[in-house]
């Protein structure tokens, strides 16, 4: 279970970074679409970072 969570976190991080690079290298002319694309990439990066931290926190709480 833990390995799957870590793999999915890495996938989310990679996709978020790639999507952000794509958004920043060829930005949309519509500001709403540009903001949406940045928000999606930031959310993916945040999920990739937060998931292992939350997994460790709540796994430790269950074991205590």
PDB file of N, CA and C in Angstrom:
ATOM      1  N   UNK A   1       0.821  -1.196   0.000  1.00  0.00           N
ATOM      2  CA  UNK A   1       0.000   0.000   0.000  1.00  0.00           C
ATOM      3  C   UNK A   1       0.865   1.261   0.000  1.00  0.00           C
ATOM      4  N   UNK A   2       1.908   1.240   0.828  1.00  0.00           N
ATOM      5  CA  UNK A   2       2.782   2.405   0.900  1.00  0.00           C
ATOM      6  C   UNK A   2       3.525   2.646  -0.403  1.00  0.00           C
ATOM      7  N   UNK A   3       3.983   1.570  -1.022  1.00  0.00           N
ATOM      8  CA  UNK A   3       4.727   1.717  -2.272  1.00  0.00           C
ATOM      9  C   UNK A   3       3.846   2.322  -3.358  1.00  0.00           C
ATOM     10  N   UNK A   4       2.602   1.905  -3.402  1.00  0.00           N
ATOM     11  CA  UNK A   4       1.673   2.445  -4.398  1.00  0.00           C
ATOM     12  C   UNK A   4       1.467   3.942  -4.173  1.00  0.00           C
ATOM     13  N   UNK A   5       1.329   4.350  -2.922  1.00  0.00           N
ATOM     14  CA  UNK A   5       1.135   5.766  -2.612  1.00  0.00           C
ATOM     15  C   UNK A   5       2.355   6.584  -3.022  1.00  0.00           C
ATOM     16  N   UNK A   6       3.549   6.055  -2.771  1.00  0.00           N
ATOM     17  CA  UNK A   6       4.759   6.777  -3.156  1.00  0.00           C
ATOM     18  C   UNK A   6       4.909   6.855  -4.671  1.00  0.00           C
ATOM     19  N   UNK A   7       4.585   5.784  -5.362  1.00  0.00           N
ATOM     20  CA  UNK A   7       4.669   5.793  -6.828  1.00  0.00           C
ATOM     21  C   UNK A   7       3.674   6.799  -7.402  1.00  0.00           C
ATOM     22  N   UNK A   8       2.456   6.803  -6.885  1.00  0.00           N
ATOM     23  CA  UNK A   8       1.457   7.757  -7.371  1.00  0.00           C
ATOM     24  C   UNK A   8       1.849   9.197  -7.041  1.00  0.00           C
ATOM     25  N   UNK A   9       2.520   9.406  -5.924  1.00  0.00           N
ATOM     26  CA  UNK A   9       2.999  10.741  -5.578  1.00  0.00           C
ATOM     27  C   UNK A   9       4.061  11.215  -6.556  1.00  0.00           C
ATOM     28  N   UNK A  10       4.965  10.326  -6.906  1.00  0.00           N
ATOM     29  CA  UNK A  10       6.004  10.675  -7.875  1.00  0.00           C
ATOM     30  C   UNK A  10       5.380  10.966  -9.235  1.00  0.00           C
ATOM     31  N   UNK A  11       4.398  10.171  -9.621  1.00  0.00           N
ATOM     32  CA  UNK A  11       3.712  10.404 -10.893  1.00  0.00           C
ATOM     33  C   UNK A  11       3.024  11.770 -10.880  1.00  0.00           C
ATOM     34  N   UNK A  12       2.361  12.118  -9.781  1.00  0.00           N
ATOM     35  CA  UNK A  12       1.702  13.421  -9.675  1.00  0.00           C
ATOM     36  C   UNK A  12       2.716  14.558  -9.753  1.00  0.00           C
ATOM     37  N   UNK A  13       3.845  14.396  -9.085  1.00  0.00           N
ATOM     38  CA  UNK A  13       4.891  15.417  -9.150  1.00  0.00           C
ATOM     39  C   UNK A  13       5.420  15.593 -10.564  1.00  0.00           C
ATOM     40  N   UNK A  14       5.718  14.489 -11.220  1.00  0.00           N
ATOM     41  CA  UNK A  14       6.263  14.557 -12.577  1.00  0.00           C
ATOM     42  C   UNK A  14       5.260  15.193 -13.531  1.00  0.00           C
ATOM     43  N   UNK A  15       4.010  14.752 -13.464  1.00  0.00           N
ATOM     44  CA  UNK A  15       2.996  15.320 -14.353  1.00  0.00           C
ATOM     45  C   UNK A  15       2.768  16.802 -14.061  1.00  0.00           C
ATOM     46  N   UNK A  16       2.778  17.181 -12.797  1.00  0.00           N
ATOM     47  CA  UNK A  16       2.610  18.586 -12.448  1.00  0.00           C
ATOM     48  C   UNK A  16       3.738  19.454 -12.971  1.00  0.00           C
ATOM     49  N   UNK A  17       4.963  18.977 -12.831  1.00  0.00           N
ATOM     50  CA  UNK A  17       6.118  19.741 -13.317  1.00  0.00           C
ATOM     51  C   UNK A  17       6.103  19.826 -14.840  1.00  0.00           C
ATOM     52  N   UNK A  18       5.810  18.718 -15.502  1.00  0.00           N
ATOM     53  CA  UNK A  18       5.765  18.726 -16.970  1.00  0.00           C
ATOM     54  C   UNK A  18       4.658  19.654 -17.465  1.00  0.00           C
ATOM     55  N   UNK A  19       3.501  19.595 -16.813  1.00  0.00           N
ATOM     56  CA  UNK A  19       2.382  20.453 -17.209  1.00  0.00           C
ATOM     57  C   UNK A  19       2.711  21.922 -16.968  1.00  0.00           C
ATOM     58  N   UNK A  20       3.425  22.219 -15.870  1.00  0.00           N
ATOM     59  CA  UNK A  20       3.804  23.601 -15.602  1.00  0.00           C
ATOM     60  C   UNK A  20       4.822  24.098 -16.621  1.00  0.00           C
ATOM     61  N   UNK A  21       5.792  23.266 -16.963  1.00  0.00           N
ATOM     62  CA  UNK A  21       6.774  23.649 -17.979  1.00  0.00           C
ATOM     63  C   UNK A  21       6.072  23.915 -19.304  1.00  0.00           C
ATOM     64  N   UNK A  22       5.130  23.051 -19.659  1.00  0.00           N
ATOM     65  CA  UNK A  22       4.376  23.234 -20.894  1.00  0.00           C
ATOM     66  C   UNK A  22       3.571  24.530 -20.859  1.00  0.00           C
ATOM     67  N   UNK A  23       2.944  24.809 -19.731  1.00  0.00           N
ATOM     68  CA  UNK A  23       2.129  26.019 -19.604  1.00  0.00           C
ATOM     69  C   UNK A  23       2.988  27.273 -19.667  1.00  0.00           C
ATOM     70  N   UNK A  24       4.130  27.244 -19.024  1.00  0.00           N
ATOM     71  CA  UNK A  24       4.987  28.426 -19.005  1.00  0.00           C
ATOM     72  C   UNK A  24       5.730  28.635 -20.318  1.00  0.00           C
ATOM     73  N   UNK A  25       6.020  27.557 -21.038  1.00  0.00           N
ATOM     74  CA  UNK A  25       6.763  27.707 -22.290  1.00  0.00           C
ATOM     75  C   UNK A  25       5.871  28.165 -23.436  1.00  0.00           C
ATOM     76  N   UNK A  26       4.610  27.737 -23.435  1.00  0.00           N
ATOM     77  CA  UNK A  26       3.662  28.185 -24.464  1.00  0.00           C
ATOM     78  C   UNK A  26       2.366  28.607 -23.781  1.00  0.00           C
ATOM     79  N   UNK A  27       2.352  29.797 -23.198  1.00  0.00           N
ATOM     80  CA  UNK A  27       1.161  30.220 -22.456  1.00  0.00           C
ATOM     81  C   UNK A  27      -0.020  30.494 -23.385  1.00  0.00           C
ATOM     82  N   UNK A  28      -1.196  30.273 -22.858  1.00  0.00           N
ATOM     83  CA  UNK A  28      -2.418  30.559 -23.603  1.00  0.00           C
ATOM     84  C   UNK A  28      -2.628  32.068 -23.654  1.00  0.00           C
ATOM     85  N   UNK A  29      -3.252  32.523 -24.718  1.00  0.00           N
ATOM     86  CA  UNK A  29      -3.540  33.952 -24.833  1.00  0.00           C
ATOM     87  C   UNK A  29      -4.720  34.363 -23.958  1.00  0.00           C
ATOM     88  N   UNK A  30      -5.561  33.414 -23.617  1.00  0.00           N
ATOM     89  CA  UNK A  30      -6.695  33.691 -22.735  1.00  0.00           C
ATOM     90  C   UNK A  30      -6.228  33.601 -21.283  1.00  0.00           C
ATOM     91  N   UNK A  31      -6.370  34.676 -20.517  1.00  0.00           N
ATOM     92  CA  UNK A  31      -5.870  34.652 -19.138  1.00  0.00           C
ATOM     93  C   UNK A  31      -6.565  33.627 -18.247  1.00  0.00           C
ATOM     94  N   UNK A  32      -7.835  33.342 -18.506  1.00  0.00           N
ATOM     95  CA  UNK A  32      -8.532  32.350 -17.680  1.00  0.00           C
ATOM     96  C   UNK A  32      -7.994  30.943 -17.925  1.00  0.00           C
ATOM     97  N   UNK A  33      -7.713  30.625 -19.161  1.00  0.00           N
ATOM     98  CA  UNK A  33      -7.155  29.309 -19.480  1.00  0.00           C
ATOM     99  C   UNK A  33      -5.747  29.195 -18.913  1.00  0.00           C
ATOM    100  N   UNK A  34      -4.977  30.262 -19.003  1.00  0.00           N
ATOM    101  CA  UNK A  34      -3.623  30.274 -18.450  1.00  0.00           C
ATOM    102  C   UNK A  34      -3.660  30.065 -16.937  1.00  0.00           C
ATOM    103  N   UNK A  35      -4.569  30.763 -16.256  1.00  0.00           N
ATOM    104  CA  UNK A  35      -4.700  30.604 -14.805  1.00  0.00           C
ATOM    105  C   UNK A  35      -5.155  29.193 -14.455  1.00  0.00           C
ATOM    106  N   UNK A  36      -6.074  28.639 -15.240  1.00  0.00           N
ATOM    107  CA  UNK A  36      -6.544  27.270 -14.996  1.00  0.00           C
ATOM    108  C   UNK A  36      -5.403  26.270 -15.135  1.00  0.00           C
ATOM    109  N   UNK A  37      -4.606  26.425 -16.185  1.00  0.00           N
ATOM    110  CA  UNK A  37      -3.491  25.504 -16.404  1.00  0.00           C
ATOM    111  C   UNK A  37      -2.464  25.589 -15.280  1.00  0.00           C
ATOM    112  N   UNK A  38      -2.174  26.800 -14.833  1.00  0.00           N
ATOM    113  CA  UNK A  38      -1.241  26.952 -13.710  1.00  0.00           C
ATOM    114  C   UNK A  38      -1.812  26.351 -12.433  1.00  0.00           C
ATOM    115  N   UNK A  39      -3.100  26.547 -12.201  1.00  0.00           N
ATOM    116  CA  UNK A  39      -3.732  25.992 -10.997  1.00  0.00           C
ATOM    117  C   UNK A  39      -3.703  24.468 -11.012  1.00  0.00           C
ATOM    118  N   UNK A  40      -3.940  23.870 -12.165  1.00  0.00           N
ATOM    119  CA  UNK A  40      -3.902  22.409 -12.270  1.00  0.00           C
ATOM    120  C   UNK A  40      -2.498  21.891 -11.985  1.00  0.00           C
ATOM    121  N   UNK A  41      -1.490  22.543 -12.542  1.00  0.00           N
ATOM    122  CA  UNK A  41      -0.123  22.069 -12.324  1.00  0.00           C
ATOM    123  C   UNK A  41       0.305  22.265 -10.873  1.00  0.00           C
ATOM    124  N   UNK A  42      -0.079  23.369 -10.262  1.00  0.00           N
ATOM    125  CA  UNK A  42       0.259  23.603  -8.854  1.00  0.00           C
ATOM    126  C   UNK A  42      -0.455  22.599  -7.960  1.00  0.00           C
ATOM    127  N   UNK A  43      -1.703  22.293  -8.280  1.00  0.00           N
ATOM    128  CA  UNK A  43      -2.449  21.303  -7.495  1.00  0.00           C
ATOM    129  C   UNK A  43      -1.810  19.924  -7.603  1.00  0.00           C
ATOM    130  N   UNK A  44      -1.359  19.547  -8.795  1.00  0.00           N
ATOM    131  CA  UNK A  44      -0.715  18.244  -8.968  1.00  0.00           C
ATOM    132  C   UNK A  44       0.580  18.170  -8.167  1.00  0.00           C
ATOM    133  N   UNK A  45       1.355  19.238  -8.187  1.00  0.00           N
ATOM    134  CA  UNK A  45       2.600  19.265  -7.418  1.00  0.00           C
ATOM    135  C   UNK A  45       2.297  19.203  -5.918  1.00  0.00           C
ATOM    136  N   UNK A  46       1.282  19.939  -5.481  1.00  0.00           N
ATOM    137  CA  UNK A  46       0.919  19.934  -4.056  1.00  0.00           C
ATOM    138  C   UNK A  46       0.455  18.558  -3.599  1.00  0.00           C
ATOM    139  N   UNK A  47      -0.326  17.880  -4.423  1.00  0.00           N
ATOM    140  CA  UNK A  47      -0.779  16.527  -4.072  1.00  0.00           C
ATOM    141  C   UNK A  47       0.407  15.575  -4.012  1.00  0.00           C
ATOM    142  N   UNK A  48       1.323  15.701  -4.961  1.00  0.00           N
ATOM    143  CA  UNK A  48       2.501  14.840  -4.967  1.00  0.00           C
ATOM    144  C   UNK A  48       3.378  15.027  -3.744  1.00  0.00           C
ATOM    145  N   UNK A  49       3.433  16.242  -3.231  1.00  0.00           N
ATOM    146  CA  UNK A  49       4.240  16.514  -2.041  1.00  0.00           C
ATOM    147  C   UNK A  49       3.484  16.126  -0.768  1.00  0.00           C
ATOM    148  N   UNK A  50       2.198  16.438  -0.716  1.00  0.00           N
ATOM    149  CA  UNK A  50       1.426  16.242   0.517  1.00  0.00           C
ATOM    150  C   UNK A  50       1.070  14.786   0.787  1.00  0.00           C
ATOM    151  N   UNK A  51       0.883  13.993  -0.239  1.00  0.00           N
ATOM    152  CA  UNK A  51       0.423  12.612  -0.042  1.00  0.00           C
ATOM    153  C   UNK A  51       1.359  11.780   0.834  1.00  0.00           C
ATOM    154  N   UNK A  52       2.667  11.744   0.578  1.00  0.00           N
ATOM    155  CA  UNK A  52       3.528  10.940   1.455  1.00  0.00           C
ATOM    156  C   UNK A  52       3.598  11.477   2.885  1.00  0.00           C
ATOM    157  N   UNK A  53       3.534  12.798   3.016  1.00  0.00           N
ATOM    158  CA  UNK A  53       3.571  13.390   4.355  1.00  0.00           C
ATOM    159  C   UNK A  53       2.331  12.983   5.142  1.00  0.00           C
ATOM    160  N   UNK A  54       1.169  13.094   4.506  1.00  0.00           N
ATOM    161  CA  UNK A  54      -0.073  12.714   5.183  1.00  0.00           C
ATOM    162  C   UNK A  54      -0.133  11.217   5.441  1.00  0.00           C
ATOM    163  N   UNK A  55       0.395  10.424   4.518  1.00  0.00           N
ATOM    164  CA  UNK A  55       0.414   8.974   4.712  1.00  0.00           C
ATOM    165  C   UNK A  55       1.233   8.611   5.945  1.00  0.00           C
ATOM    166  N   UNK A  56       2.414   9.221   6.087  1.00  0.00           N
ATOM    167  CA  UNK A  56       3.243   8.954   7.261  1.00  0.00           C
ATOM    168  C   UNK A  56       2.568   9.425   8.542  1.00  0.00           C
ATOM    169  N   UNK A  57       1.946  10.590   8.486  1.00  0.00           N
ATOM    170  CA  UNK A  57       1.305  11.144   9.681  1.00  0.00           C
ATOM    171  C   UNK A  57       0.161  10.250  10.153  1.00  0.00           C
ATOM    172  N   UNK A  58      -0.705   9.847   9.255  1.00  0.00           N
ATOM    173  CA  UNK A  58      -1.855   9.057   9.664  1.00  0.00           C
ATOM    174  C   UNK A  58      -1.503   7.595   9.897  1.00  0.00           C
ATOM    175  N   UNK A  59      -0.458   7.097   9.263  1.00  0.00           N
ATOM    176  CA  UNK A  59      -0.009   5.734   9.557  1.00  0.00           C
ATOM    177  C   UNK A  59       0.594   5.667  10.953  1.00  0.00           C
ATOM    178  N   UNK A  60       1.326   6.700  11.338  1.00  0.00           N
ATOM    179  CA  UNK A  60       1.909   6.746  12.677  1.00  0.00           C
ATOM    180  C   UNK A  60       0.815   6.872  13.730  1.00  0.00           C
ATOM    181  N   UNK A  61      -0.249   7.598  13.423  1.00  0.00           N
ATOM    182  CA  UNK A  61      -1.352   7.754  14.373  1.00  0.00           C
ATOM    183  C   UNK A  61      -2.095   6.434  14.570  1.00  0.00           C
ATOM    184  N   UNK A  62      -2.217   5.636  13.529  1.00  0.00           N
ATOM    185  CA  UNK A  62      -2.879   4.337  13.645  1.00  0.00           C
ATOM    186  C   UNK A  62      -2.044   3.352  14.452  1.00  0.00           C
ATOM    187  N   UNK A  63      -0.729   3.399  14.282  1.00  0.00           N
ATOM    188  CA  UNK A  63       0.157   2.455  14.965  1.00  0.00           C
ATOM    189  C   UNK A  63       0.359   2.803  16.436  1.00  0.00           C
ATOM    190  N   UNK A  64       0.094   4.032  16.817  1.00  0.00           N
ATOM    191  CA  UNK A  64       0.317   4.460  18.211  1.00  0.00           C
ATOM    192  C   UNK A  64      -0.776   3.996  19.137  1.00  0.00           C
TER     193      UNK A  64
END
